[in-house]
Amino acid sequence: MEEPWDFEFLSRIVDGFVSFLSEFVDDWLANDMRVSIFKILFSWLVVSLIAIHFAWRVYGNTVNDMYYRQGTSGQNGGTPDTAPHRSGWPCGRE
């Protein structure tokens, strides 16, 4: 039987990845307008993700407590933990 992951297939994948990285590095180092726009948008994305991560670490427990309150009234701020004693299904005999 022929192996599904032969060396030629993996070699093509690695060569494609290396060529993509070399083109990306060449574009990154170029002084081009689209590269500048990409750098600005990429920086904005990274800063936004860092800010979201920091905000979640600071306020995450408060947000969770707002939506998942524990206590006598049950979870979610008012849903009872147990079902009512009467069933909602009709018995057929009344």
PDB file of N, CA and C in Angstrom:
ATOM      1  N   MET A   1       0.828  -1.187   0.000  1.00  0.00           N
ATOM      2  CA  MET A   1       0.000   0.000   0.000  1.00  0.00           C
ATOM      3  C   MET A   1       0.872   1.250   0.000  1.00  0.00           C
ATOM      4  N   GLU A   2       0.351   2.268  -0.620  1.00  0.00           N
ATOM      5  CA  GLU A   2       1.080   3.527  -0.668  1.00  0.00           C
ATOM      6  C   GLU A   2       0.719   4.361   0.555  1.00  0.00           C
ATOM      7  N   GLU A   3       1.722   4.999   1.145  1.00  0.00           N
ATOM      8  CA  GLU A   3       1.464   5.819   2.332  1.00  0.00           C
ATOM      9  C   GLU A   3       0.750   7.095   1.923  1.00  0.00           C
ATOM     10  N   PRO A   4      -0.272   7.507   2.695  1.00  0.00           N
ATOM     11  CA  PRO A   4      -1.001   8.721   2.314  1.00  0.00           C
ATOM     12  C   PRO A   4      -0.172   9.990   2.514  1.00  0.00           C
ATOM     13  N   TRP A   5       0.760   9.993   3.428  1.00  0.00           N
ATOM     14  CA  TRP A   5       1.581  11.183   3.703  1.00  0.00           C
ATOM     15  C   TRP A   5       3.013  10.905   3.238  1.00  0.00           C
ATOM     16  N   ASP A   6       3.220  10.856   1.947  1.00  0.00           N
ATOM     17  CA  ASP A   6       4.563  10.581   1.459  1.00  0.00           C
ATOM     18  C   ASP A   6       5.436  11.833   1.540  1.00  0.00           C
ATOM     19  N   PHE A   7       6.723  11.634   1.340  1.00  0.00           N
ATOM     20  CA  PHE A   7       7.708  12.707   1.523  1.00  0.00           C
ATOM     21  C   PHE A   7       7.525  13.822   0.506  1.00  0.00           C
ATOM     22  N   GLU A   8       7.129  13.484  -0.718  1.00  0.00           N
ATOM     23  CA  GLU A   8       6.958  14.508  -1.755  1.00  0.00           C
ATOM     24  C   GLU A   8       5.836  15.477  -1.394  1.00  0.00           C
ATOM     25  N   PHE A   9       4.757  14.957  -0.868  1.00  0.00           N
ATOM     26  CA  PHE A   9       3.625  15.807  -0.480  1.00  0.00           C
ATOM     27  C   PHE A   9       4.026  16.762   0.643  1.00  0.00           C
ATOM     28  N   LEU A  10       4.713  16.226   1.665  1.00  0.00           N
ATOM     29  CA  LEU A  10       5.162  17.078   2.768  1.00  0.00           C
ATOM     30  C   LEU A  10       6.193  18.098   2.299  1.00  0.00           C
ATOM     31  N   SER A  11       7.043  17.701   1.384  1.00  0.00           N
ATOM     32  CA  SER A  11       8.044  18.619   0.835  1.00  0.00           C
ATOM     33  C   SER A  11       7.379  19.766   0.090  1.00  0.00           C
ATOM     34  N   ARG A  12       6.319  19.486  -0.654  1.00  0.00           N
ATOM     35  CA  ARG A  12       5.589  20.548  -1.366  1.00  0.00           C
ATOM     36  C   ARG A  12       4.928  21.512  -0.380  1.00  0.00           C
ATOM     37  N   ILE A  13       4.375  20.974   0.681  1.00  0.00           N
ATOM     38  CA  ILE A  13       3.740  21.835   1.685  1.00  0.00           C
ATOM     39  C   ILE A  13       4.774  22.734   2.344  1.00  0.00           C
ATOM     40  N   VAL A  14       5.911  22.178   2.714  1.00  0.00           N
ATOM     41  CA  VAL A  14       6.967  22.965   3.357  1.00  0.00           C
ATOM     42  C   VAL A  14       7.522  24.010   2.395  1.00  0.00           C
ATOM     43  N   ASP A  15       7.736  23.645   1.146  1.00  0.00           N
ATOM     44  CA  ASP A  15       8.232  24.605   0.158  1.00  0.00           C
ATOM     45  C   ASP A  15       7.235  25.740  -0.065  1.00  0.00           C
ATOM     46  N   GLY A  16       5.964  25.420  -0.122  1.00  0.00           N
ATOM     47  CA  GLY A  16       4.943  26.457  -0.282  1.00  0.00           C
ATOM     48  C   GLY A  16       4.901  27.395   0.910  1.00  0.00           C
ATOM     49  N   PHE A  17       5.039  26.833   2.097  1.00  0.00           N
ATOM     50  CA  PHE A  17       5.020  27.658   3.303  1.00  0.00           C
ATOM     51  C   PHE A  17       6.243  28.558   3.368  1.00  0.00           C
ATOM     52  N   VAL A  18       7.415  28.028   3.001  1.00  0.00           N
ATOM     53  CA  VAL A  18       8.644  28.827   3.013  1.00  0.00           C
ATOM     54  C   VAL A  18       8.577  29.934   1.976  1.00  0.00           C
ATOM     55  N   SER A  19       8.044  29.630   0.792  1.00  0.00           N
ATOM     56  CA  SER A  19       7.933  30.676  -0.229  1.00  0.00           C
ATOM     57  C   SER A  19       6.936  31.752   0.197  1.00  0.00           C
ATOM     58  N   PHE A  20       5.844  31.344   0.857  1.00  0.00           N
ATOM     59  CA  PHE A  20       4.890  32.330   1.359  1.00  0.00           C
ATOM     60  C   PHE A  20       5.541  33.224   2.402  1.00  0.00           C
ATOM     61  N   LEU A  21       6.303  32.634   3.316  1.00  0.00           N
ATOM     62  CA  LEU A  21       6.972  33.429   4.343  1.00  0.00           C
ATOM     63  C   LEU A  21       8.005  34.370   3.749  1.00  0.00           C
ATOM     64  N   SER A  22       8.751  33.921   2.746  1.00  0.00           N
ATOM     65  CA  SER A  22       9.760  34.801   2.143  1.00  0.00           C
ATOM     66  C   SER A  22       9.095  35.970   1.421  1.00  0.00           C
ATOM     67  N   GLU A  23       7.975  35.716   0.718  1.00  0.00           N
ATOM     68  CA  GLU A  23       7.246  36.814   0.074  1.00  0.00           C
ATOM     69  C   GLU A  23       6.663  37.762   1.113  1.00  0.00           C
ATOM     70  N   PHE A  24       6.168  37.207   2.217  1.00  0.00           N
ATOM     71  CA  PHE A  24       5.603  38.040   3.268  1.00  0.00           C
ATOM     72  C   PHE A  24       6.677  38.939   3.883  1.00  0.00           C
ATOM     73  N   VAL A  25       7.863  38.391   4.121  1.00  0.00           N
ATOM     74  CA  VAL A  25       8.953  39.181   4.689  1.00  0.00           C
ATOM     75  C   VAL A  25       9.398  40.256   3.703  1.00  0.00           C
ATOM     76  N   ASP A  26       9.476  39.915   2.430  1.00  0.00           N
ATOM     77  CA  ASP A  26       9.844  40.914   1.416  1.00  0.00           C
ATOM     78  C   ASP A  26       8.828  42.046   1.371  1.00  0.00           C
ATOM     79  N   ASP A  27       7.534  41.700   1.409  1.00  0.00           N
ATOM     80  CA  ASP A  27       6.496  42.731   1.421  1.00  0.00           C
ATOM     81  C   ASP A  27       6.534  43.541   2.712  1.00  0.00           C
ATOM     82  N   TRP A  28       6.800  42.878   3.836  1.00  0.00           N
ATOM     83  CA  TRP A  28       6.828  43.563   5.128  1.00  0.00           C
ATOM     84  C   TRP A  28       7.932  44.618   5.166  1.00  0.00           C
ATOM     85  N   LEU A  29       9.072  44.305   4.554  1.00  0.00           N
ATOM     86  CA  LEU A  29      10.202  45.226   4.561  1.00  0.00           C
ATOM     87  C   LEU A  29      10.104  46.296   3.479  1.00  0.00           C
ATOM     88  N   ALA A  30       9.187  46.125   2.539  1.00  0.00           N
ATOM     89  CA  ALA A  30       9.028  47.112   1.468  1.00  0.00           C
ATOM     90  C   ALA A  30       8.367  48.368   2.020  1.00  0.00           C
ATOM     91  N   ASN A  31       8.698  49.478   1.399  1.00  0.00           N
ATOM     92  CA  ASN A  31       8.114  50.758   1.807  1.00  0.00           C
ATOM     93  C   ASN A  31       6.950  51.052   0.865  1.00  0.00           C
ATOM     94  N   ASP A  32       5.849  50.355   1.090  1.00  0.00           N
ATOM     95  CA  ASP A  32       4.690  50.430   0.202  1.00  0.00           C
ATOM     96  C   ASP A  32       3.482  50.892   1.019  1.00  0.00           C
ATOM     97  N   MET A  33       2.530  51.527   0.349  1.00  0.00           N
ATOM     98  CA  MET A  33       1.349  52.043   1.041  1.00  0.00           C
ATOM     99  C   MET A  33       0.487  50.906   1.592  1.00  0.00           C
ATOM    100  N   ARG A  34       0.291  49.847   0.819  1.00  0.00           N
ATOM    101  CA  ARG A  34      -0.554  48.745   1.318  1.00  0.00           C
ATOM    102  C   ARG A  34       0.095  48.030   2.494  1.00  0.00           C
ATOM    103  N   VAL A  35       1.418  47.982   2.525  1.00  0.00           N
ATOM    104  CA  VAL A  35       2.113  47.387   3.667  1.00  0.00           C
ATOM    105  C   VAL A  35       1.933  48.271   4.889  1.00  0.00           C
ATOM    106  N   SER A  36       1.997  49.582   4.691  1.00  0.00           N
ATOM    107  CA  SER A  36       1.779  50.505   5.817  1.00  0.00           C
ATOM    108  C   SER A  36       0.367  50.378   6.370  1.00  0.00           C
ATOM    109  N   ILE A  37      -0.612  50.262   5.488  1.00  0.00           N
ATOM    110  CA  ILE A  37      -2.000  50.093   5.934  1.00  0.00           C
ATOM    111  C   ILE A  37      -2.152  48.761   6.673  1.00  0.00           C
ATOM    112  N   PHE A  38      -1.528  47.702   6.155  1.00  0.00           N
ATOM    113  CA  PHE A  38      -1.585  46.408   6.820  1.00  0.00           C
ATOM    114  C   PHE A  38      -0.954  46.484   8.207  1.00  0.00           C
ATOM    115  N   LYS A  39       0.187  47.165   8.317  1.00  0.00           N
ATOM    116  CA  LYS A  39       0.847  47.289   9.618  1.00  0.00           C
ATOM    117  C   LYS A  39      -0.028  48.039  10.605  1.00  0.00           C
ATOM    118  N   ILE A  40      -0.695  49.098  10.138  1.00  0.00           N
ATOM    119  CA  ILE A  40      -1.579  49.867  11.023  1.00  0.00           C
ATOM    120  C   ILE A  40      -2.754  49.004  11.477  1.00  0.00           C
ATOM    121  N   LEU A  41      -3.396  48.295  10.537  1.00  0.00           N
ATOM    122  CA  LEU A  41      -4.547  47.466  10.902  1.00  0.00           C
ATOM    123  C   LEU A  41      -4.139  46.285  11.785  1.00  0.00           C
ATOM    124  N   PHE A  42      -2.994  45.698  11.493  1.00  0.00           N
ATOM    125  CA  PHE A  42      -2.508  44.593  12.319  1.00  0.00           C
ATOM    126  C   PHE A  42      -2.183  45.072  13.731  1.00  0.00           C
ATOM    127  N   SER A  43      -1.566  46.242  13.841  1.00  0.00           N
ATOM    128  CA  SER A  43      -1.277  46.812  15.169  1.00  0.00           C
ATOM    129  C   SER A  43      -2.566  47.098  15.926  1.00  0.00           C
ATOM    130  N   TRP A  44      -3.573  47.617  15.228  1.00  0.00           N
ATOM    131  CA  TRP A  44      -4.859  47.908  15.859  1.00  0.00           C
ATOM    132  C   TRP A  44      -5.507  46.625  16.363  1.00  0.00           C
ATOM    133  N   LEU A  45      -5.420  45.559  15.570  1.00  0.00           N
ATOM    134  CA  LEU A  45      -5.975  44.270  15.989  1.00  0.00           C
ATOM    135  C   LEU A  45      -5.268  43.744  17.229  1.00  0.00           C
ATOM    136  N   VAL A  46      -3.946  43.802  17.239  1.00  0.00           N
ATOM    137  CA  VAL A  46      -3.187  43.287  18.381  1.00  0.00           C
ATOM    138  C   VAL A  46      -3.485  44.108  19.633  1.00  0.00           C
ATOM    139  N   VAL A  47      -3.511  45.439  19.505  1.00  0.00           N
ATOM    140  CA  VAL A  47      -3.804  46.294  20.666  1.00  0.00           C
ATOM    141  C   VAL A  47      -5.220  46.045  21.168  1.00  0.00           C
ATOM    142  N   SER A  48      -6.169  45.858  20.262  1.00  0.00           N
ATOM    143  CA  SER A  48      -7.551  45.586  20.676  1.00  0.00           C
ATOM    144  C   SER A  48      -7.663  44.264  21.417  1.00  0.00           C
ATOM    145  N   LEU A  49      -6.997  43.230  20.916  1.00  0.00           N
ATOM    146  CA  LEU A  49      -7.044  41.936  21.597  1.00  0.00           C
ATOM    147  C   LEU A  49      -6.384  42.001  22.970  1.00  0.00           C
ATOM    148  N   ILE A  50      -5.299  42.748  23.088  1.00  0.00           N
ATOM    149  CA  ILE A  50      -4.652  42.910  24.389  1.00  0.00           C
ATOM    150  C   ILE A  50      -5.572  43.672  25.335  1.00  0.00           C
ATOM    151  N   ALA A  51      -6.245  44.710  24.840  1.00  0.00           N
ATOM    152  CA  ALA A  51      -7.165  45.476  25.681  1.00  0.00           C
ATOM    153  C   ALA A  51      -8.351  44.629  26.128  1.00  0.00           C
ATOM    154  N   ILE A  52      -8.890  43.806  25.235  1.00  0.00           N
ATOM    155  CA  ILE A  52     -10.003  42.921  25.608  1.00  0.00           C
ATOM    156  C   ILE A  52      -9.540  41.917  26.656  1.00  0.00           C
ATOM    157  N   HIS A  53      -8.365  41.367  26.472  1.00  0.00           N
ATOM    158  CA  HIS A  53      -7.834  40.404  27.442  1.00  0.00           C
ATOM    159  C   HIS A  53      -7.647  41.069  28.811  1.00  0.00           C
ATOM    160  N   PHE A  54      -7.078  42.255  28.829  1.00  0.00           N
ATOM    161  CA  PHE A  54      -6.862  42.969  30.088  1.00  0.00           C
ATOM    162  C   PHE A  54      -8.203  43.320  30.752  1.00  0.00           C
ATOM    163  N   ALA A  55      -9.163  43.802  29.961  1.00  0.00           N
ATOM    164  CA  ALA A  55     -10.475  44.155  30.519  1.00  0.00           C
ATOM    165  C   ALA A  55     -11.180  42.925  31.072  1.00  0.00           C
ATOM    166  N   TRP A  56     -11.062  41.781  30.404  1.00  0.00           N
ATOM    167  CA  TRP A  56     -11.708  40.571  30.898  1.00  0.00           C
ATOM    168  C   TRP A  56     -11.064  40.096  32.191  1.00  0.00           C
ATOM    169  N   ARG A  57      -9.733  40.243  32.293  1.00  0.00           N
ATOM    170  CA  ARG A  57      -9.066  39.846  33.537  1.00  0.00           C
ATOM    171  C   ARG A  57      -9.496  40.742  34.687  1.00  0.00           C
ATOM    172  N   VAL A  58      -9.730  42.028  34.424  1.00  0.00           N
ATOM    173  CA  VAL A  58     -10.114  42.959  35.483  1.00  0.00           C
ATOM    174  C   VAL A  58     -11.600  42.838  35.810  1.00  0.00           C
ATOM    175  N   TYR A  59     -12.463  42.821  34.790  1.00  0.00           N
ATOM    176  CA  TYR A  59     -13.903  42.875  35.009  1.00  0.00           C
ATOM    177  C   TYR A  59     -14.629  41.571  34.723  1.00  0.00           C
ATOM    178  N   GLY A  60     -13.922  40.501  34.403  1.00  0.00           N
ATOM    179  CA  GLY A  60     -14.583  39.247  34.023  1.00  0.00           C
ATOM    180  C   GLY A  60     -15.430  38.651  35.127  1.00  0.00           C
ATOM    181  N   ASN A  61     -14.929  38.661  36.364  1.00  0.00           N
ATOM    182  CA  ASN A  61     -15.711  38.099  37.471  1.00  0.00           C
ATOM    183  C   ASN A  61     -16.968  38.907  37.728  1.00  0.00           C
ATOM    184  N   THR A  62     -16.875  40.224  37.592  1.00  0.00           N
ATOM    185  CA  THR A  62     -18.059  41.070  37.787  1.00  0.00           C
ATOM    186  C   THR A  62     -19.116  40.776  36.734  1.00  0.00           C
ATOM    187  N   VAL A  63     -18.683  40.611  35.486  1.00  0.00           N
ATOM    188  CA  VAL A  63     -19.631  40.306  34.407  1.00  0.00           C
ATOM    189  C   VAL A  63     -20.255  38.935  34.629  1.00  0.00           C
ATOM    190  N   ASN A  64     -19.461  37.961  35.015  1.00  0.00           N
ATOM    191  CA  ASN A  64     -20.014  36.630  35.293  1.00  0.00           C
ATOM    192  C   ASN A  64     -21.009  36.671  36.439  1.00  0.00           C
ATOM    193  N   ASP A  65     -20.704  37.426  37.477  1.00  0.00           N
ATOM    194  CA  ASP A  65     -21.615  37.513  38.616  1.00  0.00           C
ATOM    195  C   ASP A  65     -22.923  38.184  38.237  1.00  0.00           C
ATOM    196  N   MET A  66     -22.913  39.076  37.272  1.00  0.00           N
ATOM    197  CA  MET A  66     -24.159  39.725  36.845  1.00  0.00           C
ATOM    198  C   MET A  66     -25.107  38.726  36.194  1.00  0.00           C
ATOM    199  N   TYR A  67     -24.558  37.769  35.478  1.00  0.00           N
ATOM    200  CA  TYR A  67     -25.402  36.836  34.735  1.00  0.00           C
ATOM    201  C   TYR A  67     -25.638  35.517  35.452  1.00  0.00           C
ATOM    202  N   TYR A  68     -24.754  35.138  36.329  1.00  0.00           N
ATOM    203  CA  TYR A  68     -24.893  33.868  37.040  1.00  0.00           C
ATOM    204  C   TYR A  68     -24.847  34.119  38.537  1.00  0.00           C
ATOM    205  N   ARG A  69     -25.957  34.562  39.071  1.00  0.00           N
ATOM    206  CA  ARG A  69     -26.042  34.817  40.510  1.00  0.00           C
ATOM    207  C   ARG A  69     -26.414  33.533  41.218  1.00  0.00           C
ATOM    208  N   GLN A  70     -25.729  33.253  42.292  1.00  0.00           N
ATOM    209  CA  GLN A  70     -26.047  32.087  43.101  1.00  0.00           C
ATOM    210  C   GLN A  70     -26.786  32.554  44.339  1.00  0.00           C
ATOM    211  N   GLY A  71     -27.752  31.783  44.767  1.00  0.00           N
ATOM    212  CA  GLY A  71     -28.484  32.161  45.959  1.00  0.00           C
ATOM    213  C   GLY A  71     -29.752  31.351  46.087  1.00  0.00           C
ATOM    214  N   THR A  72     -30.681  31.849  46.921  1.00  0.00           N
ATOM    215  CA  THR A  72     -31.915  31.114  47.175  1.00  0.00           C
ATOM    216  C   THR A  72     -32.852  31.153  45.983  1.00  0.00           C
ATOM    217  N   SER A  73     -32.734  32.167  45.129  1.00  0.00           N
ATOM    218  CA  SER A  73     -33.655  32.254  44.001  1.00  0.00           C
ATOM    219  C   SER A  73     -33.194  31.405  42.824  1.00  0.00           C
ATOM    220  N   GLY A  74     -32.042  30.781  42.904  1.00  0.00           N
ATOM    221  CA  GLY A  74     -31.586  29.904  41.842  1.00  0.00           C
ATOM    222  C   GLY A  74     -30.574  30.577  40.941  1.00  0.00           C
ATOM    223  N   GLN A  75     -30.286  29.915  39.873  1.00  0.00           N
ATOM    224  CA  GLN A  75     -29.322  30.456  38.926  1.00  0.00           C
ATOM    225  C   GLN A  75     -29.983  31.468  38.009  1.00  0.00           C
ATOM    226  N   ASN A  76     -29.164  32.239  37.357  1.00  0.00           N
ATOM    227  CA  ASN A  76     -29.601  33.231  36.369  1.00  0.00           C
ATOM    228  C   ASN A  76     -30.546  34.266  36.966  1.00  0.00           C
ATOM    229  N   GLY A  77     -30.406  34.556  38.217  1.00  0.00           N
ATOM    230  CA  GLY A  77     -31.138  35.641  38.835  1.00  0.00           C
ATOM    231  C   GLY A  77     -32.607  35.408  39.068  1.00  0.00           C
ATOM    232  N   GLY A  78     -33.111  34.208  39.056  1.00  0.00           N
ATOM    233  CA  GLY A  78     -34.517  34.026  39.352  1.00  0.00           C
ATOM    234  C   GLY A  78     -35.097  32.722  38.871  1.00  0.00           C
ATOM    235  N   THR A  79     -34.368  31.926  38.138  1.00  0.00           N
ATOM    236  CA  THR A  79     -34.870  30.649  37.687  1.00  0.00           C
ATOM    237  C   THR A  79     -34.789  29.663  38.845  1.00  0.00           C
ATOM    238  N   PRO A  80     -35.881  29.014  39.199  1.00  0.00           N
ATOM    239  CA  PRO A  80     -35.820  28.080  40.329  1.00  0.00           C
ATOM    240  C   PRO A  80     -34.977  26.856  39.991  1.00  0.00           C
ATOM    241  N   ASP A  81     -34.340  26.303  41.037  1.00  0.00           N
ATOM    242  CA  ASP A  81     -33.501  25.123  40.847  1.00  0.00           C
ATOM    243  C   ASP A  81     -34.324  23.866  40.609  1.00  0.00           C
ATOM    244  N   THR A  82     -35.509  23.802  41.186  1.00  0.00           N
ATOM    245  CA  THR A  82     -36.340  22.599  41.057  1.00  0.00           C
ATOM    246  C   THR A  82     -37.601  22.940  40.293  1.00  0.00           C
ATOM    247  N   ALA A  83     -38.183  21.919  39.715  1.00  0.00           N
ATOM    248  CA  ALA A  83     -39.424  22.095  38.965  1.00  0.00           C
ATOM    249  C   ALA A  83     -40.588  22.254  39.939  1.00  0.00           C
ATOM    250  N   PRO A  84     -41.657  22.918  39.532  1.00  0.00           N
ATOM    251  CA  PRO A  84     -42.829  23.024  40.410  1.00  0.00           C
ATOM    252  C   PRO A  84     -43.442  21.643  40.653  1.00  0.00           C
ATOM    253  N   HIS A  85     -44.219  21.536  41.727  1.00  0.00           N
ATOM    254  CA  HIS A  85     -44.791  20.251  42.120  1.00  0.00           C
ATOM    255  C   HIS A  85     -45.866  19.775  41.144  1.00  0.00           C
ATOM    256  N   ARG A  86     -46.553  20.683  40.524  1.00  0.00           N
ATOM    257  CA  ARG A  86     -47.576  20.283  39.566  1.00  0.00           C
ATOM    258  C   ARG A  86     -46.938  20.098  38.199  1.00  0.00           C
ATOM    259  N   SER A  87     -47.330  19.064  37.522  1.00  0.00           N
ATOM    260  CA  SER A  87     -46.821  18.803  36.198  1.00  0.00           C
ATOM    261  C   SER A  87     -47.636  19.575  35.175  1.00  0.00           C
ATOM    262  N   GLY A  88     -46.994  19.979  34.102  1.00  0.00           N
ATOM    263  CA  GLY A  88     -47.694  20.724  33.062  1.00  0.00           C
ATOM    264  C   GLY A  88     -48.414  19.812  32.089  1.00  0.00           C
ATOM    265  N   TRP A  89     -48.192  18.484  32.195  1.00  0.00           N
ATOM    266  CA  TRP A  89     -48.821  17.559  31.266  1.00  0.00           C
ATOM    267  C   TRP A  89     -50.155  17.101  31.818  1.00  0.00           C
ATOM    268  N   PRO A  90     -51.172  17.083  30.980  1.00  0.00           N
ATOM    269  CA  PRO A  90     -52.478  16.601  31.468  1.00  0.00           C
ATOM    270  C   PRO A  90     -52.434  15.083  31.676  1.00  0.00           C
ATOM    271  N   CYS A  91     -53.162  14.630  32.703  1.00  0.00           N
ATOM    272  CA  CYS A  91     -53.169  13.204  33.032  1.00  0.00           C
ATOM    273  C   CYS A  91     -54.117  12.417  32.123  1.00  0.00           C
ATOM    274  N   GLY A  92     -55.080  13.061  31.559  1.00  0.00           N
ATOM    275  CA  GLY A  92     -56.058  12.335  30.766  1.00  0.00           C
ATOM    276  C   GLY A  92     -57.309  12.066  31.573  1.00  0.00           C
ATOM    277  N   ARG A  93     -57.222  12.099  32.919  1.00  0.00           N
ATOM    278  CA  ARG A  93     -58.384  11.902  33.793  1.00  0.00           C
ATOM    279  C   ARG A  93     -58.584  13.174  34.574  1.00  0.00           C
ATOM    280  N   GLU A  94     -59.710  13.751  34.438  1.00  0.00           N
ATOM    281  CA  GLU A  94     -59.967  14.953  35.227  1.00  0.00           C
ATOM    282  C   GLU A  94     -61.281  14.929  35.862  1.00  0.00           C
TER     283      GLU A  94
END
